[in-house]
PDB file of N, CA and C in Angstrom:
ATOM      1  N   MET A   1    -114.486 124.840 -16.786  1.00  0.00           N
ATOM      2  CA  MET A   1    -114.666 124.169 -18.441  1.00  0.00           C
ATOM      3  C   MET A   1    -115.820 123.754 -19.608  1.00  0.00           C
ATOM      4  N   LYS A   2    -116.146 124.200 -20.532  1.00  0.00           N
ATOM      5  CA  LYS A   2    -117.186 124.106 -21.305  1.00  0.00           C
ATOM      6  C   LYS A   2    -117.470 122.338 -21.745  1.00  0.00           C
ATOM      7  N   THR A   3    -118.508 121.996 -21.246  1.00  0.00           N
ATOM      8  CA  THR A   3    -118.733 120.466 -21.756  1.00  0.00           C
ATOM      9  C   THR A   3    -119.923 120.698 -23.163  1.00  0.00           C
ATOM     10  N   ASP A   4    -120.286 121.595 -23.504  1.00  0.00           N
ATOM     11  CA  ASP A   4    -120.897 121.555 -24.491  1.00  0.00           C
ATOM     12  C   ASP A   4    -120.605 121.107 -25.758  1.00  0.00           C
ATOM     13  N   VAL A   5    -119.423 121.157 -26.123  1.00  0.00           N
ATOM     14  CA  VAL A   5    -118.474 120.208 -27.005  1.00  0.00           C
ATOM     15  C   VAL A   5    -118.879 118.285 -26.867  1.00  0.00           C
ATOM     16  N   LEU A   6    -119.253 118.100 -25.833  1.00  0.00           N
ATOM     17  CA  LEU A   6    -119.186 116.573 -25.433  1.00  0.00           C
ATOM     18  C   LEU A   6    -120.857 116.303 -25.987  1.00  0.00           C
ATOM     19  N   THR A   7    -120.999 115.497 -27.104  1.00  0.00           N
ATOM     20  CA  THR A   7    -122.380 115.212 -28.051  1.00  0.00           C
ATOM     21  C   THR A   7    -122.739 113.964 -27.312  1.00  0.00           C
ATOM     22  N   ASN A   8    -122.379 113.192 -26.517  1.00  0.00           N
ATOM     23  CA  ASN A   8    -122.785 112.422 -26.470  1.00  0.00           C
ATOM     24  C   ASN A   8    -123.690 112.337 -24.584  1.00  0.00           C
ATOM     25  N   PRO A   9    -124.604 112.429 -24.407  1.00  0.00           N
ATOM     26  CA  PRO A   9    -125.472 113.125 -22.959  1.00  0.00           C
ATOM     27  C   PRO A   9    -124.848 112.184 -21.804  1.00  0.00           C
ATOM     28  N   ILE A  10    -124.366 110.873 -21.574  1.00  0.00           N
ATOM     29  CA  ILE A  10    -124.041 109.915 -20.788  1.00  0.00           C
ATOM     30  C   ILE A  10    -122.482 110.739 -20.482  1.00  0.00           C
ATOM     31  N   VAL A  11    -121.625 110.327 -21.634  1.00  0.00           N
ATOM     32  CA  VAL A  11    -119.875 110.980 -21.401  1.00  0.00           C
ATOM     33  C   VAL A  11    -120.227 112.525 -20.629  1.00  0.00           C
ATOM     34  N   ARG A  12    -121.321 113.290 -21.570  1.00  0.00           N
ATOM     35  CA  ARG A  12    -120.997 114.737 -20.958  1.00  0.00           C
ATOM     36  C   ARG A  12    -121.452 114.416 -19.355  1.00  0.00           C
ATOM     37  N   ALA A  13    -122.273 113.816 -18.975  1.00  0.00           N
ATOM     38  CA  ALA A  13    -122.906 113.625 -17.234  1.00  0.00           C
ATOM     39  C   ALA A  13    -121.419 112.885 -16.978  1.00  0.00           C
ATOM     40  N   ALA A  14    -120.655 112.267 -17.113  1.00  0.00           N
ATOM     41  CA  ALA A  14    -119.633 111.519 -16.375  1.00  0.00           C
ATOM     42  C   ALA A  14    -118.788 112.660 -16.314  1.00  0.00           C
ATOM     43  N   ILE A  15    -118.116 113.775 -17.416  1.00  0.00           N
ATOM     44  CA  ILE A  15    -117.000 114.356 -17.474  1.00  0.00           C
ATOM     45  C   ILE A  15    -117.433 115.469 -16.664  1.00  0.00           C
ATOM     46  N   GLU A  16    -119.109 115.822 -16.926  1.00  0.00           N
ATOM     47  CA  GLU A  16    -119.319 116.909 -15.507  1.00  0.00           C
ATOM     48  C   GLU A  16    -119.282 116.299 -13.861  1.00  0.00           C
ATOM     49  N   ALA A  17    -119.610 114.845 -13.947  1.00  0.00           N
ATOM     50  CA  ALA A  17    -119.201 114.474 -12.820  1.00  0.00           C
ATOM     51  C   ALA A  17    -117.992 114.511 -11.967  1.00  0.00           C
ATOM     52  N   LEU A  18    -116.877 113.979 -12.776  1.00  0.00           N
ATOM     53  CA  LEU A  18    -115.270 114.471 -13.187  1.00  0.00           C
ATOM     54  C   LEU A  18    -115.224 115.532 -12.816  1.00  0.00           C
ATOM     55  N   GLN A  19    -115.400 117.099 -13.422  1.00  0.00           N
ATOM     56  CA  GLN A  19    -115.016 117.668 -13.033  1.00  0.00           C
ATOM     57  C   GLN A  19    -115.450 118.345 -11.708  1.00  0.00           C
ATOM     58  N   ASN A  20    -116.738 117.920 -11.211  1.00  0.00           N
ATOM     59  CA  ASN A  20    -117.055 118.667  -9.960  1.00  0.00           C
ATOM     60  C   ASN A  20    -116.831 117.396  -8.595  1.00  0.00           C
ATOM     61  N   GLY A  21    -116.143 116.647  -9.040  1.00  0.00           N
ATOM     62  CA  GLY A  21    -115.739 115.685  -8.385  1.00  0.00           C
ATOM     63  C   GLY A  21    -116.929 114.895  -7.152  1.00  0.00           C
ATOM     64  N   ASN A  22    -118.004 114.735  -7.947  1.00  0.00           N
ATOM     65  CA  ASN A  22    -119.354 114.128  -7.627  1.00  0.00           C
ATOM     66  C   ASN A  22    -119.128 112.662  -7.760  1.00  0.00           C
ATOM     67  N   ARG A  23    -118.721 111.861  -6.999  1.00  0.00           N
ATOM     68  CA  ARG A  23    -118.318 110.001  -6.796  1.00  0.00           C
ATOM     69  C   ARG A  23    -119.616 109.485  -7.198  1.00  0.00           C
ATOM     70  N   LYS A  24    -120.858 110.083  -6.084  1.00  0.00           N
ATOM     71  CA  LYS A  24    -121.760 109.341  -6.362  1.00  0.00           C
ATOM     72  C   LYS A  24    -122.328 109.202  -8.093  1.00  0.00           C
ATOM     73  N   THR A  25    -122.609 110.217  -8.848  1.00  0.00           N
ATOM     74  CA  THR A  25    -122.828 110.450 -10.140  1.00  0.00           C
ATOM     75  C   THR A  25    -122.089 109.318 -11.172  1.00  0.00           C
ATOM     76  N   TRP A  26    -120.459 110.252 -10.635  1.00  0.00           N
ATOM     77  CA  TRP A  26    -119.590 109.306 -11.521  1.00  0.00           C
ATOM     78  C   TRP A  26    -119.875 107.773 -11.518  1.00  0.00           C
ATOM     79  N   SER A  27    -120.069 107.257 -10.400  1.00  0.00           N
ATOM     80  CA  SER A  27    -119.663 105.838 -10.264  1.00  0.00           C
ATOM     81  C   SER A  27    -121.544 105.016 -10.723  1.00  0.00           C
ATOM     82  N   ALA A  28    -122.259 105.635 -10.983  1.00  0.00           N
ATOM     83  CA  ALA A  28    -123.697 105.179 -11.141  1.00  0.00           C
ATOM     84  C   ALA A  28    -123.855 105.063 -12.874  1.00  0.00           C
ATOM     85  N   LEU A  29    -122.992 105.892 -13.480  1.00  0.00           N
ATOM     86  CA  LEU A  29    -122.381 106.034 -14.677  1.00  0.00           C
ATOM     87  C   LEU A  29    -122.097 104.626 -15.427  1.00  0.00           C
ATOM     88  N   PHE A  30    -121.262 103.876 -14.968  1.00  0.00           N
ATOM     89  CA  PHE A  30    -120.929 103.182 -15.036  1.00  0.00           C
ATOM     90  C   PHE A  30    -121.123 101.714 -14.572  1.00  0.00           C
ATOM     91  N   GLU A  31    -120.658 100.700 -15.682  1.00  0.00           N
ATOM     92  CA  GLU A  31    -121.436  99.352 -15.844  1.00  0.00           C
ATOM     93  C   GLU A  31    -120.717  98.733 -14.535  1.00  0.00           C
ATOM     94  N   PRO A  32    -121.272  97.649 -13.853  1.00  0.00           N
ATOM     95  CA  PRO A  32    -120.594  97.071 -12.757  1.00  0.00           C
ATOM     96  C   PRO A  32    -119.146  96.853 -13.266  1.00  0.00           C
ATOM     97  N   ASP A  33    -118.818  95.968 -14.462  1.00  0.00           N
ATOM     98  CA  ASP A  33    -117.435  95.376 -14.863  1.00  0.00           C
ATOM     99  C   ASP A  33    -117.078  96.271 -15.630  1.00  0.00           C
ATOM    100  N   ALA A  34    -117.255  97.845 -15.240  1.00  0.00           N
ATOM    101  CA  ALA A  34    -116.373  98.717 -16.529  1.00  0.00           C
ATOM    102  C   ALA A  34    -114.935  98.137 -15.966  1.00  0.00           C
ATOM    103  N   GLU A  35    -114.224  98.831 -17.072  1.00  0.00           N
ATOM    104  CA  GLU A  35    -112.486  98.336 -16.906  1.00  0.00           C
ATOM    105  C   GLU A  35    -111.765 100.280 -17.314  1.00  0.00           C
ATOM    106  N   LEU A  36    -110.994 100.526 -16.652  1.00  0.00           N
ATOM    107  CA  LEU A  36    -110.240 101.711 -16.506  1.00  0.00           C
ATOM    108  C   LEU A  36    -108.855 101.064 -17.292  1.00  0.00           C
ATOM    109  N   TYR A  37    -108.345 102.053 -17.856  1.00  0.00           N
ATOM    110  CA  TYR A  37    -107.049 102.151 -18.142  1.00  0.00           C
ATOM    111  C   TYR A  37    -106.121 103.174 -18.011  1.00  0.00           C
ATOM    112  N   ASP A  38    -105.315 103.769 -17.634  1.00  0.00           N
ATOM    113  CA  ASP A  38    -104.363 104.492 -17.106  1.00  0.00           C
ATOM    114  C   ASP A  38    -103.029 104.533 -18.062  1.00  0.00           C
ATOM    115  N   ASP A  39    -102.828 105.424 -19.167  1.00  0.00           N
ATOM    116  CA  ASP A  39    -101.828 105.018 -19.908  1.00  0.00           C
ATOM    117  C   ASP A  39    -101.724 103.633 -20.267  1.00  0.00           C
ATOM    118  N   GLY A  40    -102.864 103.206 -20.712  1.00  0.00           N
ATOM    119  CA  GLY A  40    -102.928 101.983 -21.325  1.00  0.00           C
ATOM    120  C   GLY A  40    -102.707 100.863 -20.547  1.00  0.00           C
ATOM    121  N   SER A  41    -102.479 100.722 -18.928  1.00  0.00           N
ATOM    122  CA  SER A  41    -102.316  99.891 -18.329  1.00  0.00           C
ATOM    123  C   SER A  41    -103.835  99.664 -17.236  1.00  0.00           C
ATOM    124  N   PRO A  42    -104.348  98.282 -16.830  1.00  0.00           N
ATOM    125  CA  PRO A  42    -105.493  98.480 -16.298  1.00  0.00           C
ATOM    126  C   PRO A  42    -105.226  99.132 -15.213  1.00  0.00           C
ATOM    127  N   ARG A  43    -106.341  99.836 -14.351  1.00  0.00           N
ATOM    128  CA  ARG A  43    -106.344 100.519 -13.362  1.00  0.00           C
ATOM    129  C   ARG A  43    -107.757 100.663 -12.584  1.00  0.00           C
ATOM    130  N   SER A  44    -107.923 100.119 -11.135  1.00  0.00           N
ATOM    131  CA  SER A  44    -109.378  99.991 -10.223  1.00  0.00           C
ATOM    132  C   SER A  44    -110.113 101.280 -10.230  1.00  0.00           C
ATOM    133  N   LEU A  45    -110.918 101.197 -11.384  1.00  0.00           N
ATOM    134  CA  LEU A  45    -112.197 101.849 -11.310  1.00  0.00           C
ATOM    135  C   LEU A  45    -112.694 102.720  -9.925  1.00  0.00           C
ATOM    136  N   LYS A  46    -112.751 101.642  -8.828  1.00  0.00           N
ATOM    137  CA  LYS A  46    -113.248 102.170  -8.077  1.00  0.00           C
ATOM    138  C   LYS A  46    -112.223 103.038  -7.149  1.00  0.00           C
ATOM    139  N   GLU A  47    -110.713 102.467  -7.029  1.00  0.00           N
ATOM    140  CA  GLU A  47    -109.626 102.693  -6.651  1.00  0.00           C
ATOM    141  C   GLU A  47    -109.570 104.955  -7.462  1.00  0.00           C
ATOM    142  N   PHE A  48    -109.427 104.007  -8.814  1.00  0.00           N
ATOM    143  CA  PHE A  48    -109.302 106.138  -9.354  1.00  0.00           C
ATOM    144  C   PHE A  48    -110.933 106.561  -8.957  1.00  0.00           C
ATOM    145  N   THR A  49    -111.941 106.185  -8.775  1.00  0.00           N
ATOM    146  CA  THR A  49    -112.948 107.521  -8.231  1.00  0.00           C
ATOM    147  C   THR A  49    -112.682 107.815  -7.021  1.00  0.00           C
ATOM    148  N   ARG A  50    -111.941 106.686  -6.084  1.00  0.00           N
ATOM    149  CA  ARG A  50    -111.671 107.505  -4.731  1.00  0.00           C
ATOM    150  C   ARG A  50    -110.331 108.660  -4.941  1.00  0.00           C
ATOM    151  N   ASP A  51    -109.733 107.936  -5.515  1.00  0.00           N
ATOM    152  CA  ASP A  51    -108.562 108.926  -5.518  1.00  0.00           C
ATOM    153  C   ASP A  51    -108.277 109.902  -6.441  1.00  0.00           C
ATOM    154  N   ALA A  52    -108.997 110.079  -7.702  1.00  0.00           N
ATOM    155  CA  ALA A  52    -108.748 111.371  -8.439  1.00  0.00           C
ATOM    156  C   ALA A  52    -110.197 112.078  -8.319  1.00  0.00           C
ATOM    157  N   LEU A  53    -111.269 111.518  -8.093  1.00  0.00           N
ATOM    158  CA  LEU A  53    -112.221 112.876  -8.197  1.00  0.00           C
ATOM    159  C   LEU A  53    -112.243 113.447  -7.064  1.00  0.00           C
ATOM    160  N   GLY A  54    -112.487 115.073  -7.234  1.00  0.00           N
ATOM    161  CA  GLY A  54    -112.477 116.105  -6.604  1.00  0.00           C
ATOM    162  C   GLY A  54    -110.714 116.212  -6.460  1.00  0.00           C
ATOM    163  N   HIS A  55    -109.948 115.916  -7.445  1.00  0.00           N
ATOM    164  CA  HIS A  55    -108.569 115.846  -7.354  1.00  0.00           C
ATOM    165  C   HIS A  55    -107.733 116.384  -8.927  1.00  0.00           C
ATOM    166  N   GLU A  56    -108.531 115.537  -9.849  1.00  0.00           N
ATOM    167  CA  GLU A  56    -108.606 115.877 -11.438  1.00  0.00           C
ATOM    168  C   GLU A  56    -109.312 116.007 -12.098  1.00  0.00           C
ATOM    169  N   ARG A  57    -109.015 116.800 -12.985  1.00  0.00           N
ATOM    170  CA  ARG A  57    -110.092 117.499 -13.968  1.00  0.00           C
ATOM    171  C   ARG A  57    -109.193 117.826 -15.525  1.00  0.00           C
ATOM    172  N   PHE A  58    -110.421 117.526 -16.123  1.00  0.00           N
ATOM    173  CA  PHE A  58    -110.106 118.593 -17.419  1.00  0.00           C
ATOM    174  C   PHE A  58    -109.992 120.148 -17.716  1.00  0.00           C
ATOM    175  N   THR A  59    -109.131 120.472 -18.019  1.00  0.00           N
ATOM    176  CA  THR A  59    -108.880 121.634 -18.110  1.00  0.00           C
ATOM    177  C   THR A  59    -109.388 122.616 -19.427  1.00  0.00           C
ATOM    178  N   SER A  60    -109.437 121.253 -20.601  1.00  0.00           N
ATOM    179  CA  SER A  60    -109.954 121.553 -21.564  1.00  0.00           C
ATOM    180  C   SER A  60    -110.395 120.268 -22.448  1.00  0.00           C
ATOM    181  N   ILE A  61    -111.102 120.556 -23.634  1.00  0.00           N
ATOM    182  CA  ILE A  61    -111.577 119.437 -24.450  1.00  0.00           C
ATOM    183  C   ILE A  61    -111.082 119.735 -25.618  1.00  0.00           C
ATOM    184  N   ASP A  62    -109.883 119.263 -25.915  1.00  0.00           N
ATOM    185  CA  ASP A  62    -109.693 119.499 -27.432  1.00  0.00           C
ATOM    186  C   ASP A  62    -109.862 119.318 -29.015  1.00  0.00           C
ATOM    187  N   ARG A  63    -110.582 117.338 -28.769  1.00  0.00           N
ATOM    188  CA  ARG A  63    -111.097 116.988 -29.556  1.00  0.00           C
ATOM    189  C   ARG A  63    -112.124 115.969 -29.162  1.00  0.00           C
ATOM    190  N   VAL A  64    -112.861 115.970 -30.008  1.00  0.00           N
ATOM    191  CA  VAL A  64    -114.164 114.715 -29.538  1.00  0.00           C
ATOM    192  C   VAL A  64    -114.350 113.934 -30.878  1.00  0.00           C
ATOM    193  N   GLU A  65    -114.339 112.557 -30.693  1.00  0.00           N
ATOM    194  CA  GLU A  65    -114.290 111.663 -31.762  1.00  0.00           C
ATOM    195  C   GLU A  65    -114.940 110.412 -31.239  1.00  0.00           C
ATOM    196  N   ASN A  66    -115.246 109.593 -32.605  1.00  0.00           N
ATOM    197  CA  ASN A  66    -116.148 108.296 -31.861  1.00  0.00           C
ATOM    198  C   ASN A  66    -117.422 108.336 -31.496  1.00  0.00           C
ATOM    199  N   ASN A  67    -118.205 109.201 -32.304  1.00  0.00           N
ATOM    200  CA  ASN A  67    -119.590 109.372 -31.867  1.00  0.00           C
ATOM    201  C   ASN A  67    -119.392 110.045 -30.169  1.00  0.00           C
ATOM    202  N   GLY A  68    -118.633 110.776 -29.626  1.00  0.00           N
ATOM    203  CA  GLY A  68    -118.742 111.413 -28.453  1.00  0.00           C
ATOM    204  C   GLY A  68    -118.010 110.600 -27.731  1.00  0.00           C
ATOM    205  N   LEU A  69    -117.501 109.235 -27.737  1.00  0.00           N
ATOM    206  CA  LEU A  69    -116.702 108.388 -26.758  1.00  0.00           C
ATOM    207  C   LEU A  69    -115.587 108.243 -26.114  1.00  0.00           C
ATOM    208  N   ASP A  70    -114.698 109.451 -27.633  1.00  0.00           N
ATOM    209  CA  ASP A  70    -113.020 109.641 -27.682  1.00  0.00           C
ATOM    210  C   ASP A  70    -112.953 111.057 -27.008  1.00  0.00           C
ATOM    211  N   LEU A  71    -112.072 111.291 -25.965  1.00  0.00           N
ATOM    212  CA  LEU A  71    -111.739 112.574 -25.408  1.00  0.00           C
ATOM    213  C   LEU A  71    -110.695 112.860 -25.182  1.00  0.00           C
ATOM    214  N   ALA A  72    -110.149 113.965 -26.211  1.00  0.00           N
ATOM    215  CA  ALA A  72    -108.455 114.245 -25.391  1.00  0.00           C
ATOM    216  C   ALA A  72    -108.282 116.011 -25.316  1.00  0.00           C
ATOM    217  N   GLY A  73    -107.725 116.150 -24.250  1.00  0.00           N
ATOM    218  CA  GLY A  73    -107.860 117.418 -23.833  1.00  0.00           C
ATOM    219  C   GLY A  73    -106.642 117.724 -22.816  1.00  0.00           C
ATOM    220  N   ALA A  74    -106.394 118.779 -22.299  1.00  0.00           N
ATOM    221  CA  ALA A  74    -105.650 119.188 -21.202  1.00  0.00           C
ATOM    222  C   ALA A  74    -105.977 118.663 -19.797  1.00  0.00           C
ATOM    223  N   PHE A  75    -105.527 118.220 -18.805  1.00  0.00           N
ATOM    224  CA  PHE A  75    -106.083 117.248 -17.902  1.00  0.00           C
ATOM    225  C   PHE A  75    -105.136 118.226 -16.650  1.00  0.00           C
ATOM    226  N   HIS A  76    -105.785 118.635 -15.846  1.00  0.00           N
ATOM    227  CA  HIS A  76    -105.047 118.538 -14.278  1.00  0.00           C
ATOM    228  C   HIS A  76    -105.347 117.817 -12.942  1.00  0.00           C
ATOM    229  N   SER A  77    -103.835 117.401 -12.389  1.00  0.00           N
ATOM    230  CA  SER A  77    -104.106 116.263 -11.365  1.00  0.00           C
ATOM    231  C   SER A  77    -103.322 117.368 -10.344  1.00  0.00           C
ATOM    232  N   ASP A  78    -104.244 117.127  -8.993  1.00  0.00           N
ATOM    233  CA  ASP A  78    -103.282 117.778  -8.229  1.00  0.00           C
ATOM    234  C   ASP A  78    -101.891 117.594  -7.646  1.00  0.00           C
ATOM    235  N   PRO A  79    -101.477 116.298  -7.610  1.00  0.00           N
ATOM    236  CA  PRO A  79    -100.534 115.455  -7.496  1.00  0.00           C
ATOM    237  C   PRO A  79     -99.244 116.102  -8.223  1.00  0.00           C
ATOM    238  N   MET A  80     -99.596 115.661  -9.794  1.00  0.00           N
ATOM    239  CA  MET A  80     -98.808 115.759 -11.034  1.00  0.00           C
ATOM    240  C   MET A  80     -98.686 117.107 -11.972  1.00  0.00           C
ATOM    241  N   GLY A  81    -100.082 117.671 -11.494  1.00  0.00           N
ATOM    242  CA  GLY A  81     -99.603 119.437 -12.636  1.00  0.00           C
ATOM    243  C   GLY A  81    -100.459 118.620 -13.797  1.00  0.00           C
ATOM    244  N   ARG A  82    -100.251 119.490 -14.701  1.00  0.00           N
ATOM    245  CA  ARG A  82    -101.183 119.786 -15.943  1.00  0.00           C
ATOM    246  C   ARG A  82    -100.304 118.588 -17.406  1.00  0.00           C
ATOM    247  N   PHE A  83    -101.381 118.182 -17.634  1.00  0.00           N
ATOM    248  CA  PHE A  83    -100.702 117.122 -19.219  1.00  0.00           C
ATOM    249  C   PHE A  83    -101.919 117.128 -20.067  1.00  0.00           C
ATOM    250  N   SER A  84    -101.305 116.244 -21.308  1.00  0.00           N
ATOM    251  CA  SER A  84    -102.837 115.933 -21.992  1.00  0.00           C
ATOM    252  C   SER A  84    -102.803 114.342 -21.462  1.00  0.00           C
ATOM    253  N   ASP A  85    -104.540 114.435 -21.746  1.00  0.00           N
ATOM    254  CA  ASP A  85    -105.177 113.011 -21.716  1.00  0.00           C
ATOM    255  C   ASP A  85    -105.856 112.772 -22.969  1.00  0.00           C
ATOM    256  N   ILE A  86    -106.288 111.474 -23.032  1.00  0.00           N
ATOM    257  CA  ILE A  86    -107.023 110.483 -23.389  1.00  0.00           C
ATOM    258  C   ILE A  86    -108.215 109.926 -22.973  1.00  0.00           C
ATOM    259  N   LEU A  87    -109.500 110.052 -23.154  1.00  0.00           N
ATOM    260  CA  LEU A  87    -109.804 109.372 -22.395  1.00  0.00           C
ATOM    261  C   LEU A  87    -111.066 108.787 -23.423  1.00  0.00           C
ATOM    262  N   GLN A  88    -111.003 107.055 -23.271  1.00  0.00           N
ATOM    263  CA  GLN A  88    -112.256 106.343 -24.444  1.00  0.00           C
ATOM    264  C   GLN A  88    -113.034 106.035 -23.469  1.00  0.00           C
ATOM    265  N   VAL A  89    -114.399 106.148 -23.615  1.00  0.00           N
ATOM    266  CA  VAL A  89    -115.345 105.451 -23.196  1.00  0.00           C
ATOM    267  C   VAL A  89    -116.122 103.982 -23.445  1.00  0.00           C
ATOM    268  N   SER A  90    -116.093 103.105 -23.341  1.00  0.00           N
ATOM    269  CA  SER A  90    -116.639 102.160 -23.128  1.00  0.00           C
ATOM    270  C   SER A  90    -118.026 101.207 -22.812  1.00  0.00           C
ATOM    271  N   ALA A  91    -117.681 101.204 -21.200  1.00  0.00           N
ATOM    272  CA  ALA A  91    -118.134 100.911 -20.292  1.00  0.00           C
ATOM    273  C   ALA A  91    -119.199 101.959 -19.416  1.00  0.00           C
ATOM    274  N   LEU A  92    -120.039 102.471 -20.103  1.00  0.00           N
ATOM    275  CA  LEU A  92    -121.002 103.275 -19.252  1.00  0.00           C
ATOM    276  C   LEU A  92    -122.410 102.321 -19.190  1.00  0.00           C
ATOM    277  N   ALA A  93    -122.655 103.067 -18.473  1.00  0.00           N
ATOM    278  CA  ALA A  93    -124.360 102.295 -18.039  1.00  0.00           C
ATOM    279  C   ALA A  93    -125.191 103.201 -19.344  1.00  0.00           C
ATOM    280  N   TRP A  94    -125.656 102.430 -20.334  1.00  0.00           N
ATOM    281  CA  TRP A  94    -126.403 103.298 -21.411  1.00  0.00           C
ATOM    282  C   TRP A  94    -127.835 103.186 -21.412  1.00  0.00           C
ATOM    283  N   GLY A  95    -128.365 102.690 -19.933  1.00  0.00           N
ATOM    284  CA  GLY A  95    -129.627 102.523 -19.723  1.00  0.00           C
ATOM    285  C   GLY A  95    -130.730 102.624 -20.459  1.00  0.00           C
TER     286      GLY A  95
END
């Protein structure tokens, strides 16, 4: 999947880490108090990182909005198959 549509370099780095299952890079991009919401419900970022990276990924990014912070596209999860997903970013380490 191409990530060149991602205009925010830190968001691009996070999505590339997700796509590659790179937990170390992914984790380094988030503020320590970052919150993750899965279908609108709070989810532990630490648990998501452990469980999802290497098993979940975007198969396409169909829409990028909000200065590159909101993404929508097709997503694949090894245990759940393919579905549409939205990612909204607000707590990455802006360094």
